[in-house]
Structure formats: structure tokens, C-alpha cells
Amino acid sequence: MMKKIALSVLVAAAVAMADCSYVKEGDVSVNWTAFKTPMKAGVNGTFRSVVYKGAAKAASLTELLKGAKVMIQTNNVESGNAGRDAKLVQFFFNQMDGQMLEAQILAVDEAAKIVLVEVIMNGKGLNVPMAYSFEKGVFSAKGVIDLGDFKALDALTSINRACYDLHAGKTWQDVNIGFAMKVEESCTK
């Protein structure tokens, strides 16, 4: 029994002493799901171009992520339907202040697996907690925003009017948001 305990302590110490580095590989993708109809049908989308500013390599996952920032031109929305994309730009994004969405990771809680992200939309910045996972070399985070918190209800009303029949008169103000990027983790003992 003592040998098992001693071996467990040695293994834990070796893992704790491992020296790891993290490298961001490739682009960052940003995704969203908006909801329509009284049945709350989801409409998924991304953006064709996301500008990333942040560390490319770091000694810890927290160091790699903290301070990382993305900037997105709202006119490059991609939902898989060109007509819908044009309506989203004209009747939603163009109804808000500015043509840019921004997000910056303010804090990383590795124990709770949460990142705190400042999202700036319609001239308003809010801190959004997002649950994250880091599996098979992919870091991904998911959260929810309320368009009312961003003073974007006029834009929501505009897209609801433009798509009234398609949405059966209902466009929801909560939107699921997320992002993902490939991260290579390399640890040595």
C-alpha cells in the first residue's frame, strides 16, 4: 500500500514538473446560433474573415489566451444562405453603431474551465463568461449573449420585420456565441 501511495506521489510530481508550451495554429473561427419562430428554431452561422491579435506561442494556456482579441467586419456574415446573409447585414448589423464586432479574453479560469470575454457590439462592451474545452488540440468556448444588453433591440426589431413570415413573427433576443482554434500542446518532463 505504501509503495502505491509513494508511486502515485512521484507520478503526480513528475506531471506537475512537466514543462509545456502552447502554440496557436491556424485561424480562429467564430460561430453563432440565433433563434427564430415560436419553436425557437436555430440558425447557425460564422464570419468569413476573423482578424486575430494575440500570442502565437506561450508557456501556458492562460498566457496564450489572456489578452487575445478578434475583430470581425459584420458584412462578412456567413449562414449558408446568401439571401439570409444580405438581410442580416442590411436589417440587423447595419442598424447598429459601427460595422465591427470585437472580443477580447480578459481572464482564464483553468480550474473552472471558463474564459471571461469582453464582447463589444453596437458601441457597448460587456463581459461574457464562456465555458471552454481543450480536447484533441482544439480550444473551443461557448456562451450566450442577450441583444438587449447591447442595446440592439431596434436592430432585432428590424430583422424581425424583414423576416416576419419566415420567422413566424418571432425572433429571439438571446444568441449563442462561440469560437474555436487549433492549439498544439507540447509537454516535456
N, C-alpha and C. Protein backbone atom coordinates (compact mmCIF):
# COMPACT_ATOMS: atom_id res chain seq x y z
N MET A 1 0.82 -1.20 0.00
CA MET A 1 0.00 0.00 0.00
C MET A 1 0.86 1.25 0.00
N MET A 2 1.90 1.27 0.83
CA MET A 2 2.79 2.44 0.88
C MET A 2 3.49 2.65 -0.45
N LYS A 3 3.84 1.54 -1.13
CA LYS A 3 4.51 1.66 -2.42
C LYS A 3 3.59 2.31 -3.44
N LYS A 4 2.29 1.95 -3.42
CA LYS A 4 1.33 2.56 -4.34
C LYS A 4 1.18 4.05 -4.08
N ILE A 5 1.11 4.41 -2.82
CA ILE A 5 0.99 5.83 -2.46
C ILE A 5 2.24 6.59 -2.89
N ALA A 6 3.42 6.04 -2.61
CA ALA A 6 4.67 6.68 -2.98
C ALA A 6 4.78 6.82 -4.49
N LEU A 7 4.37 5.78 -5.23
CA LEU A 7 4.41 5.83 -6.69
C LEU A 7 3.44 6.89 -7.21
N SER A 8 2.25 6.98 -6.63
CA SER A 8 1.27 7.99 -7.04
C SER A 8 1.80 9.39 -6.81
N VAL A 9 2.46 9.61 -5.68
CA VAL A 9 3.04 10.92 -5.38
C VAL A 9 4.13 11.26 -6.38
N LEU A 10 4.98 10.29 -6.74
CA LEU A 10 6.06 10.53 -7.72
C LEU A 10 5.49 10.84 -9.10
N VAL A 11 4.47 10.10 -9.52
CA VAL A 11 3.85 10.36 -10.82
C VAL A 11 3.23 11.76 -10.83
N ALA A 12 2.51 12.11 -9.77
CA ALA A 12 1.89 13.44 -9.69
C ALA A 12 2.95 14.53 -9.71
N ALA A 13 4.06 14.33 -9.02
CA ALA A 13 5.14 15.32 -9.01
C ALA A 13 5.76 15.45 -10.39
N ALA A 14 5.93 14.33 -11.10
CA ALA A 14 6.52 14.38 -12.44
C ALA A 14 5.61 15.13 -13.40
N VAL A 15 4.31 14.88 -13.30
CA VAL A 15 3.36 15.58 -14.16
C VAL A 15 3.35 17.07 -13.84
N ALA A 16 3.39 17.41 -12.55
CA ALA A 16 3.39 18.81 -12.14
C ALA A 16 4.65 19.52 -12.62
N MET A 17 5.75 18.79 -12.73
CA MET A 17 7.00 19.41 -13.14
C MET A 17 7.15 19.44 -14.66
N ALA A 18 6.18 18.87 -15.39
CA ALA A 18 6.26 18.87 -16.85
C ALA A 18 6.30 20.30 -17.35
N ASP A 19 7.12 20.52 -18.35
CA ASP A 19 7.25 21.84 -18.96
C ASP A 19 6.45 21.81 -20.26
N CYS A 20 5.41 22.61 -20.33
CA CYS A 20 4.53 22.60 -21.50
C CYS A 20 4.60 23.93 -22.23
N SER A 21 4.40 23.87 -23.52
CA SER A 21 4.25 25.09 -24.31
C SER A 21 3.03 24.91 -25.19
N TYR A 22 2.45 26.04 -25.59
CA TYR A 22 1.23 26.04 -26.37
C TYR A 22 1.43 26.95 -27.58
N VAL A 23 1.05 26.45 -28.74
CA VAL A 23 1.20 27.20 -29.98
C VAL A 23 -0.16 27.26 -30.68
N LYS A 24 -0.61 28.47 -31.00
CA LYS A 24 -1.85 28.65 -31.76
C LYS A 24 -1.55 28.29 -33.21
N GLU A 25 -2.36 27.42 -33.76
CA GLU A 25 -2.17 27.00 -35.15
C GLU A 25 -3.37 27.41 -35.99
N GLY A 26 -3.16 28.17 -37.03
CA GLY A 26 -4.24 28.50 -37.95
C GLY A 26 -5.15 29.60 -37.46
N ASP A 27 -6.27 29.70 -38.16
CA ASP A 27 -7.23 30.77 -37.92
C ASP A 27 -8.11 30.50 -36.70
N VAL A 28 -8.73 31.55 -36.24
CA VAL A 28 -9.74 31.45 -35.19
C VAL A 28 -11.09 31.53 -35.89
N SER A 29 -11.97 30.60 -35.59
CA SER A 29 -13.32 30.66 -36.16
C SER A 29 -14.28 31.14 -35.07
N VAL A 30 -15.22 31.96 -35.49
CA VAL A 30 -16.25 32.49 -34.59
C VAL A 30 -17.59 31.99 -35.12
N ASN A 31 -18.43 31.47 -34.22
CA ASN A 31 -19.71 30.95 -34.66
C ASN A 31 -20.83 31.50 -33.78
N TRP A 32 -22.03 31.42 -34.29
CA TRP A 32 -23.20 31.91 -33.58
C TRP A 32 -24.42 31.08 -33.95
N THR A 33 -25.39 31.08 -33.07
CA THR A 33 -26.70 30.50 -33.36
C THR A 33 -27.74 31.49 -32.87
N ALA A 34 -28.53 32.00 -33.81
CA ALA A 34 -29.65 32.89 -33.48
C ALA A 34 -30.92 32.04 -33.57
N PHE A 35 -32.00 32.55 -33.02
CA PHE A 35 -33.22 31.75 -32.94
C PHE A 35 -34.41 32.49 -33.52
N LYS A 36 -35.25 31.73 -34.22
CA LYS A 36 -36.44 32.28 -34.84
C LYS A 36 -37.62 31.34 -34.60
N THR A 37 -38.80 31.82 -34.84
CA THR A 37 -40.08 31.13 -34.70
C THR A 37 -40.42 30.86 -33.23
N PRO A 38 -41.69 30.73 -32.93
CA PRO A 38 -42.07 30.42 -31.55
C PRO A 38 -41.47 29.09 -31.05
N MET A 39 -41.10 28.20 -31.96
CA MET A 39 -40.48 26.92 -31.57
C MET A 39 -38.98 27.07 -31.32
N LYS A 40 -38.46 28.26 -31.49
CA LYS A 40 -37.05 28.60 -31.25
C LYS A 40 -36.10 27.77 -32.12
N ALA A 41 -36.37 27.81 -33.42
CA ALA A 41 -35.52 27.11 -34.38
C ALA A 41 -34.19 27.85 -34.49
N GLY A 42 -33.11 27.12 -34.46
CA GLY A 42 -31.77 27.72 -34.52
C GLY A 42 -31.32 27.98 -35.94
N VAL A 43 -30.63 29.09 -36.13
CA VAL A 43 -29.98 29.44 -37.39
C VAL A 43 -28.51 29.63 -37.06
N ASN A 44 -27.66 28.80 -37.65
CA ASN A 44 -26.23 28.83 -37.36
C ASN A 44 -25.48 29.67 -38.37
N GLY A 45 -24.38 30.25 -37.93
CA GLY A 45 -23.55 31.00 -38.85
C GLY A 45 -22.15 31.23 -38.31
N THR A 46 -21.34 31.79 -39.16
CA THR A 46 -19.96 32.15 -38.85
C THR A 46 -19.69 33.51 -39.50
N PHE A 47 -18.42 33.85 -39.57
CA PHE A 47 -17.97 35.03 -40.32
C PHE A 47 -16.84 34.57 -41.22
N ARG A 48 -16.83 35.04 -42.47
CA ARG A 48 -15.82 34.59 -43.43
C ARG A 48 -14.42 35.02 -43.06
N SER A 49 -14.28 36.12 -42.34
CA SER A 49 -12.96 36.63 -42.00
C SER A 49 -12.96 37.13 -40.56
N VAL A 50 -12.01 36.60 -39.79
CA VAL A 50 -11.83 37.00 -38.40
C VAL A 50 -10.37 37.39 -38.23
N VAL A 51 -10.12 38.61 -37.78
CA VAL A 51 -8.75 39.07 -37.54
C VAL A 51 -8.39 38.79 -36.09
N TYR A 52 -7.32 38.03 -35.90
CA TYR A 52 -6.86 37.63 -34.56
C TYR A 52 -5.60 38.40 -34.20
N LYS A 53 -5.59 38.92 -32.99
CA LYS A 53 -4.38 39.55 -32.45
C LYS A 53 -4.12 38.95 -31.08
N GLY A 54 -2.97 38.36 -30.92
CA GLY A 54 -2.64 37.75 -29.64
C GLY A 54 -1.39 36.92 -29.77
N ALA A 55 -1.03 36.28 -28.68
CA ALA A 55 0.17 35.46 -28.66
C ALA A 55 0.02 34.29 -29.62
N ALA A 56 1.11 33.92 -30.25
CA ALA A 56 1.13 32.75 -31.11
C ALA A 56 1.74 31.56 -30.39
N LYS A 57 2.51 31.84 -29.33
CA LYS A 57 3.16 30.78 -28.57
C LYS A 57 3.28 31.26 -27.13
N ALA A 58 3.09 30.33 -26.17
CA ALA A 58 3.17 30.70 -24.76
C ALA A 58 3.53 29.49 -23.91
N ALA A 59 3.93 29.77 -22.68
CA ALA A 59 4.31 28.72 -21.75
C ALA A 59 3.10 28.10 -21.05
N SER A 60 1.94 28.74 -21.12
CA SER A 60 0.74 28.17 -20.51
C SER A 60 -0.46 28.52 -21.38
N LEU A 61 -1.52 27.74 -21.20
CA LEU A 61 -2.74 28.01 -21.94
C LEU A 61 -3.29 29.38 -21.58
N THR A 62 -3.25 29.72 -20.29
CA THR A 62 -3.71 31.04 -19.84
C THR A 62 -2.92 32.14 -20.52
N GLU A 63 -1.61 31.99 -20.56
CA GLU A 63 -0.75 33.00 -21.19
C GLU A 63 -1.05 33.14 -22.68
N LEU A 64 -1.36 32.03 -23.34
CA LEU A 64 -1.68 32.06 -24.77
C LEU A 64 -2.98 32.81 -25.02
N LEU A 65 -3.96 32.60 -24.13
CA LEU A 65 -5.30 33.14 -24.37
C LEU A 65 -5.52 34.55 -23.84
N LYS A 66 -5.02 34.84 -22.64
CA LYS A 66 -5.32 36.12 -22.00
C LYS A 66 -4.83 37.28 -22.85
N GLY A 67 -5.74 38.20 -23.12
CA GLY A 67 -5.43 39.36 -23.94
C GLY A 67 -5.67 39.15 -25.43
N ALA A 68 -5.89 37.91 -25.85
CA ALA A 68 -6.15 37.65 -27.27
C ALA A 68 -7.42 38.38 -27.69
N LYS A 69 -7.42 38.87 -28.90
CA LYS A 69 -8.51 39.72 -29.39
C LYS A 69 -8.88 39.32 -30.81
N VAL A 70 -10.17 39.38 -31.12
CA VAL A 70 -10.62 39.20 -32.50
C VAL A 70 -11.43 40.42 -32.92
N MET A 71 -11.32 40.73 -34.20
CA MET A 71 -12.09 41.81 -34.81
C MET A 71 -12.79 41.25 -36.04
N ILE A 72 -14.08 41.57 -36.17
CA ILE A 72 -14.89 40.99 -37.23
C ILE A 72 -15.68 42.08 -37.93
N GLN A 73 -15.54 42.17 -39.23
CA GLN A 73 -16.39 43.06 -40.03
C GLN A 73 -17.75 42.39 -40.14
N THR A 74 -18.80 43.10 -39.79
CA THR A 74 -20.13 42.49 -39.75
C THR A 74 -20.69 42.18 -41.14
N ASN A 75 -20.12 42.76 -42.18
CA ASN A 75 -20.64 42.49 -43.52
C ASN A 75 -20.13 41.18 -44.10
N ASN A 76 -19.33 40.41 -43.34
CA ASN A 76 -18.87 39.12 -43.87
C ASN A 76 -19.51 37.94 -43.13
N VAL A 77 -20.77 38.13 -42.73
CA VAL A 77 -21.53 37.07 -42.07
C VAL A 77 -21.78 35.93 -43.06
N GLU A 78 -21.78 34.71 -42.57
CA GLU A 78 -21.96 33.53 -43.42
C GLU A 78 -22.88 32.55 -42.71
N SER A 79 -24.10 32.40 -43.26
CA SER A 79 -25.07 31.48 -42.67
C SER A 79 -25.39 30.30 -43.58
N GLY A 80 -24.74 30.26 -44.74
CA GLY A 80 -25.04 29.20 -45.69
C GLY A 80 -26.18 29.55 -46.63
N ASN A 81 -26.69 30.78 -46.55
CA ASN A 81 -27.78 31.23 -47.39
C ASN A 81 -27.51 32.69 -47.75
N ALA A 82 -27.17 32.94 -49.02
CA ALA A 82 -26.77 34.28 -49.45
C ALA A 82 -27.87 35.31 -49.21
N GLY A 83 -29.12 34.95 -49.46
CA GLY A 83 -30.22 35.88 -49.22
C GLY A 83 -30.34 36.24 -47.75
N ARG A 84 -30.22 35.25 -46.89
CA ARG A 84 -30.27 35.50 -45.44
C ARG A 84 -29.11 36.38 -45.02
N ASP A 85 -27.92 36.11 -45.56
CA ASP A 85 -26.74 36.90 -45.21
C ASP A 85 -26.95 38.37 -45.56
N ALA A 86 -27.50 38.64 -46.74
CA ALA A 86 -27.76 40.02 -47.16
C ALA A 86 -28.76 40.69 -46.21
N LYS A 87 -29.80 39.96 -45.81
CA LYS A 87 -30.77 40.52 -44.87
C LYS A 87 -30.14 40.78 -43.50
N LEU A 88 -29.29 39.87 -43.04
CA LEU A 88 -28.63 40.07 -41.75
C LEU A 88 -27.78 41.34 -41.76
N VAL A 89 -27.07 41.56 -42.88
CA VAL A 89 -26.25 42.77 -42.97
C VAL A 89 -27.14 44.01 -43.01
N GLN A 90 -28.11 44.03 -43.93
CA GLN A 90 -28.94 45.21 -44.13
C GLN A 90 -29.87 45.50 -42.95
N PHE A 91 -30.56 44.49 -42.47
CA PHE A 91 -31.61 44.73 -41.49
C PHE A 91 -31.21 44.48 -40.04
N PHE A 92 -30.01 43.94 -39.82
CA PHE A 92 -29.56 43.75 -38.45
C PHE A 92 -28.27 44.51 -38.18
N PHE A 93 -27.17 44.07 -38.76
CA PHE A 93 -25.89 44.69 -38.44
C PHE A 93 -25.80 46.16 -38.85
N ASN A 94 -26.37 46.52 -39.99
CA ASN A 94 -26.32 47.92 -40.42
C ASN A 94 -27.23 48.83 -39.59
N GLN A 95 -28.05 48.27 -38.73
CA GLN A 95 -28.92 49.05 -37.85
C GLN A 95 -28.23 49.43 -36.55
N MET A 96 -27.01 48.93 -36.35
CA MET A 96 -26.26 49.20 -35.12
C MET A 96 -25.13 50.19 -35.40
N ASP A 97 -24.58 50.74 -34.32
CA ASP A 97 -23.43 51.63 -34.43
C ASP A 97 -22.20 50.81 -34.81
N GLY A 98 -21.49 51.27 -35.82
CA GLY A 98 -20.25 50.61 -36.22
C GLY A 98 -20.50 49.35 -37.02
N GLN A 99 -19.53 48.98 -37.80
CA GLN A 99 -19.62 47.79 -38.64
C GLN A 99 -18.64 46.72 -38.19
N MET A 100 -18.29 46.78 -36.90
CA MET A 100 -17.26 45.88 -36.37
C MET A 100 -17.74 45.26 -35.06
N LEU A 101 -17.47 43.99 -34.90
CA LEU A 101 -17.63 43.29 -33.62
C LEU A 101 -16.24 43.02 -33.10
N GLU A 102 -16.05 43.14 -31.81
CA GLU A 102 -14.75 42.86 -31.20
C GLU A 102 -14.95 42.00 -29.97
N ALA A 103 -13.95 41.19 -29.68
CA ALA A 103 -13.98 40.39 -28.46
C ALA A 103 -12.55 40.22 -27.97
N GLN A 104 -12.37 40.28 -26.65
CA GLN A 104 -11.04 40.12 -26.06
C GLN A 104 -11.16 39.26 -24.80
N ILE A 105 -10.27 38.28 -24.68
CA ILE A 105 -10.25 37.43 -23.50
C ILE A 105 -9.58 38.20 -22.37
N LEU A 106 -10.35 38.42 -21.31
CA LEU A 106 -9.86 39.17 -20.16
C LEU A 106 -9.24 38.28 -19.09
N ALA A 107 -9.80 37.09 -18.92
CA ALA A 107 -9.33 36.20 -17.86
C ALA A 107 -9.60 34.75 -18.25
N VAL A 108 -8.79 33.87 -17.71
CA VAL A 108 -8.93 32.44 -17.94
C VAL A 108 -8.92 31.75 -16.58
N ASP A 109 -9.94 30.98 -16.30
CA ASP A 109 -10.00 30.18 -15.08
C ASP A 109 -9.89 28.73 -15.50
N GLU A 110 -8.64 28.19 -15.45
CA GLU A 110 -8.41 26.83 -15.91
C GLU A 110 -9.11 25.80 -15.03
N ALA A 111 -9.24 26.07 -13.74
CA ALA A 111 -9.90 25.13 -12.83
C ALA A 111 -11.39 25.01 -13.16
N ALA A 112 -12.05 26.13 -13.41
CA ALA A 112 -13.48 26.13 -13.71
C ALA A 112 -13.76 25.95 -15.20
N LYS A 113 -12.72 26.02 -16.03
CA LYS A 113 -12.86 25.92 -17.50
C LYS A 113 -13.77 27.02 -18.04
N ILE A 114 -13.47 28.26 -17.61
CA ILE A 114 -14.24 29.43 -18.06
C ILE A 114 -13.28 30.52 -18.52
N VAL A 115 -13.61 31.15 -19.63
CA VAL A 115 -12.91 32.36 -20.06
C VAL A 115 -13.89 33.51 -19.93
N LEU A 116 -13.38 34.65 -19.49
CA LEU A 116 -14.19 35.86 -19.42
C LEU A 116 -13.81 36.70 -20.63
N VAL A 117 -14.79 36.96 -21.48
CA VAL A 117 -14.55 37.63 -22.76
C VAL A 117 -15.33 38.94 -22.79
N GLU A 118 -14.63 40.03 -23.09
CA GLU A 118 -15.33 41.29 -23.32
C GLU A 118 -15.78 41.30 -24.77
N VAL A 119 -17.08 41.40 -24.97
CA VAL A 119 -17.67 41.47 -26.31
C VAL A 119 -18.12 42.91 -26.52
N ILE A 120 -17.70 43.50 -27.65
CA ILE A 120 -18.10 44.86 -27.99
C ILE A 120 -18.94 44.81 -29.25
N MET A 121 -20.18 45.28 -29.10
CA MET A 121 -21.13 45.30 -30.21
C MET A 121 -22.05 46.49 -30.01
N ASN A 122 -22.36 47.18 -31.11
CA ASN A 122 -23.26 48.33 -31.07
C ASN A 122 -22.75 49.41 -30.12
N GLY A 123 -21.43 49.55 -30.05
CA GLY A 123 -20.81 50.57 -29.21
C GLY A 123 -20.81 50.25 -27.73
N LYS A 124 -21.20 49.04 -27.35
CA LYS A 124 -21.28 48.68 -25.94
C LYS A 124 -20.43 47.43 -25.69
N GLY A 125 -19.62 47.49 -24.63
CA GLY A 125 -18.81 46.36 -24.23
C GLY A 125 -19.35 45.70 -22.98
N LEU A 126 -19.46 44.39 -23.01
CA LEU A 126 -19.93 43.62 -21.86
C LEU A 126 -19.04 42.39 -21.66
N ASN A 127 -18.85 42.01 -20.41
CA ASN A 127 -18.07 40.82 -20.09
C ASN A 127 -18.99 39.60 -20.12
N VAL A 128 -18.61 38.62 -20.92
CA VAL A 128 -19.41 37.42 -21.11
C VAL A 128 -18.60 36.20 -20.66
N PRO A 129 -19.08 35.47 -19.66
CA PRO A 129 -18.40 34.23 -19.27
C PRO A 129 -18.71 33.15 -20.31
N MET A 130 -17.68 32.41 -20.70
CA MET A 130 -17.85 31.36 -21.69
C MET A 130 -17.17 30.08 -21.19
N ALA A 131 -17.92 29.00 -21.18
CA ALA A 131 -17.36 27.70 -20.81
C ALA A 131 -16.46 27.23 -21.95
N TYR A 132 -15.32 26.63 -21.60
CA TYR A 132 -14.43 26.16 -22.66
C TYR A 132 -14.02 24.72 -22.46
N SER A 133 -13.54 24.15 -23.57
CA SER A 133 -12.94 22.82 -23.53
C SER A 133 -11.66 22.88 -24.35
N PHE A 134 -10.73 22.01 -24.02
CA PHE A 134 -9.49 21.88 -24.78
C PHE A 134 -9.26 20.39 -24.97
N GLU A 135 -9.67 19.90 -26.14
CA GLU A 135 -9.61 18.48 -26.43
C GLU A 135 -9.07 18.25 -27.82
N LYS A 136 -8.20 17.24 -27.94
CA LYS A 136 -7.65 16.83 -29.23
C LYS A 136 -7.08 18.01 -30.00
N GLY A 137 -6.42 18.91 -29.29
CA GLY A 137 -5.76 20.03 -29.94
C GLY A 137 -6.66 21.17 -30.37
N VAL A 138 -7.92 21.16 -29.94
CA VAL A 138 -8.85 22.24 -30.31
C VAL A 138 -9.35 22.91 -29.04
N PHE A 139 -9.12 24.22 -28.95
CA PHE A 139 -9.67 25.02 -27.86
C PHE A 139 -10.96 25.61 -28.38
N SER A 140 -12.06 25.40 -27.65
CA SER A 140 -13.33 25.99 -28.06
C SER A 140 -14.06 26.52 -26.84
N ALA A 141 -14.80 27.61 -27.03
CA ALA A 141 -15.54 28.25 -25.95
C ALA A 141 -16.94 28.58 -26.44
N LYS A 142 -17.91 28.50 -25.50
CA LYS A 142 -19.30 28.78 -25.84
C LYS A 142 -19.94 29.63 -24.75
N GLY A 143 -20.78 30.56 -25.18
CA GLY A 143 -21.51 31.40 -24.24
C GLY A 143 -22.80 31.89 -24.86
N VAL A 144 -23.48 32.77 -24.16
CA VAL A 144 -24.76 33.32 -24.63
C VAL A 144 -24.76 34.82 -24.38
N ILE A 145 -25.26 35.56 -25.37
CA ILE A 145 -25.46 37.00 -25.18
C ILE A 145 -26.95 37.31 -25.34
N ASP A 146 -27.36 38.40 -24.75
CA ASP A 146 -28.72 38.91 -24.86
C ASP A 146 -28.60 40.23 -25.63
N LEU A 147 -29.23 40.31 -26.78
CA LEU A 147 -29.12 41.51 -27.62
C LEU A 147 -29.61 42.76 -26.89
N GLY A 148 -30.53 42.61 -25.96
CA GLY A 148 -31.00 43.75 -25.17
C GLY A 148 -29.88 44.36 -24.35
N ASP A 149 -28.96 43.53 -23.87
CA ASP A 149 -27.82 44.03 -23.09
C ASP A 149 -26.90 44.92 -23.93
N PHE A 150 -26.93 44.72 -25.25
CA PHE A 150 -26.10 45.50 -26.16
C PHE A 150 -26.88 46.64 -26.83
N LYS A 151 -28.04 46.95 -26.28
CA LYS A 151 -28.91 47.99 -26.84
C LYS A 151 -29.18 47.75 -28.33
N ALA A 152 -29.40 46.48 -28.68
CA ALA A 152 -29.58 46.10 -30.08
C ALA A 152 -31.01 45.63 -30.36
N LEU A 153 -31.96 46.04 -29.52
CA LEU A 153 -33.34 45.59 -29.75
C LEU A 153 -33.97 46.26 -30.96
N ASP A 154 -33.53 47.48 -31.31
CA ASP A 154 -34.03 48.11 -32.54
C ASP A 154 -33.57 47.31 -33.76
N ALA A 155 -32.33 46.85 -33.74
CA ALA A 155 -31.82 46.01 -34.83
C ALA A 155 -32.57 44.68 -34.88
N LEU A 156 -32.87 44.13 -33.72
CA LEU A 156 -33.64 42.88 -33.65
C LEU A 156 -35.04 43.09 -34.23
N THR A 157 -35.67 44.19 -33.88
CA THR A 157 -37.00 44.50 -34.42
C THR A 157 -36.93 44.65 -35.94
N SER A 158 -35.87 45.26 -36.44
CA SER A 158 -35.69 45.46 -37.87
C SER A 158 -35.60 44.12 -38.62
N ILE A 159 -34.78 43.20 -38.12
CA ILE A 159 -34.64 41.89 -38.80
C ILE A 159 -35.93 41.08 -38.63
N ASN A 160 -36.61 41.23 -37.51
CA ASN A 160 -37.88 40.52 -37.33
C ASN A 160 -38.92 41.00 -38.33
N ARG A 161 -38.97 42.30 -38.57
CA ARG A 161 -39.92 42.84 -39.56
C ARG A 161 -39.57 42.35 -40.97
N ALA A 162 -38.27 42.36 -41.30
CA ALA A 162 -37.84 41.95 -42.64
C ALA A 162 -38.10 40.46 -42.89
N CYS A 163 -38.12 39.68 -41.84
CA CYS A 163 -38.28 38.22 -41.97
C CYS A 163 -39.52 37.73 -41.24
N TYR A 164 -40.51 38.58 -41.10
CA TYR A 164 -41.67 38.29 -40.26
C TYR A 164 -42.33 36.95 -40.59
N ASP A 165 -42.62 36.72 -41.86
CA ASP A 165 -43.29 35.46 -42.24
C ASP A 165 -42.37 34.26 -42.03
N LEU A 166 -41.09 34.39 -42.43
CA LEU A 166 -40.14 33.28 -42.26
C LEU A 166 -39.91 32.94 -40.79
N HIS A 167 -40.00 33.94 -39.94
CA HIS A 167 -39.77 33.73 -38.51
C HIS A 167 -41.07 33.49 -37.74
N ALA A 168 -42.17 33.42 -38.45
CA ALA A 168 -43.49 33.25 -37.84
C ALA A 168 -43.71 34.30 -36.75
N GLY A 169 -43.21 35.51 -37.02
CA GLY A 169 -43.43 36.63 -36.12
C GLY A 169 -42.54 36.69 -34.89
N LYS A 170 -41.57 35.78 -34.78
CA LYS A 170 -40.76 35.74 -33.56
C LYS A 170 -39.27 35.59 -33.88
N THR A 171 -38.49 36.57 -33.44
CA THR A 171 -37.03 36.49 -33.48
C THR A 171 -36.56 36.69 -32.05
N TRP A 172 -35.80 35.76 -31.54
CA TRP A 172 -35.40 35.76 -30.13
C TRP A 172 -34.21 36.68 -29.91
N GLN A 173 -34.10 37.23 -28.69
CA GLN A 173 -33.00 38.17 -28.42
C GLN A 173 -31.77 37.51 -27.81
N ASP A 174 -31.83 36.23 -27.46
CA ASP A 174 -30.63 35.55 -26.98
C ASP A 174 -29.95 34.87 -28.17
N VAL A 175 -28.63 34.94 -28.18
CA VAL A 175 -27.82 34.38 -29.25
C VAL A 175 -26.68 33.58 -28.63
N ASN A 176 -26.53 32.34 -29.06
CA ASN A 176 -25.39 31.54 -28.63
C ASN A 176 -24.17 31.98 -29.44
N ILE A 177 -23.05 32.16 -28.76
CA ILE A 177 -21.82 32.56 -29.45
C ILE A 177 -20.72 31.58 -29.08
N GLY A 178 -19.71 31.49 -29.94
CA GLY A 178 -18.59 30.62 -29.65
C GLY A 178 -17.41 30.92 -30.54
N PHE A 179 -16.28 30.34 -30.16
CA PHE A 179 -15.10 30.44 -31.01
C PHE A 179 -14.25 29.20 -30.81
N ALA A 180 -13.40 28.93 -31.79
CA ALA A 180 -12.53 27.76 -31.73
C ALA A 180 -11.22 28.05 -32.45
N MET A 181 -10.16 27.39 -31.98
CA MET A 181 -8.88 27.46 -32.67
C MET A 181 -8.06 26.23 -32.32
N LYS A 182 -7.19 25.85 -33.24
CA LYS A 182 -6.30 24.73 -33.00
C LYS A 182 -5.13 25.21 -32.16
N VAL A 183 -4.78 24.43 -31.16
CA VAL A 183 -3.66 24.75 -30.27
C VAL A 183 -2.83 23.48 -30.11
N GLU A 184 -1.57 23.59 -30.39
CA GLU A 184 -0.67 22.46 -30.17
C GLU A 184 -0.08 22.55 -28.78
N GLU A 185 -0.26 21.48 -28.01
CA GLU A 185 0.30 21.41 -26.66
C GLU A 185 1.50 20.47 -26.71
N SER A 186 2.62 20.94 -26.23
CA SER A 186 3.84 20.13 -26.21
C SER A 186 4.41 20.16 -24.81
N CYS A 187 4.47 18.97 -24.17
CA CYS A 187 4.98 18.89 -22.80
C CYS A 187 6.17 17.95 -22.74
N THR A 188 7.16 18.37 -21.97
CA THR A 188 8.33 17.53 -21.71
C THR A 188 8.49 17.41 -20.20
N LYS A 189 9.14 16.34 -19.78
CA LYS A 189 9.36 16.12 -18.33
C LYS A 189 10.68 16.66 -17.91
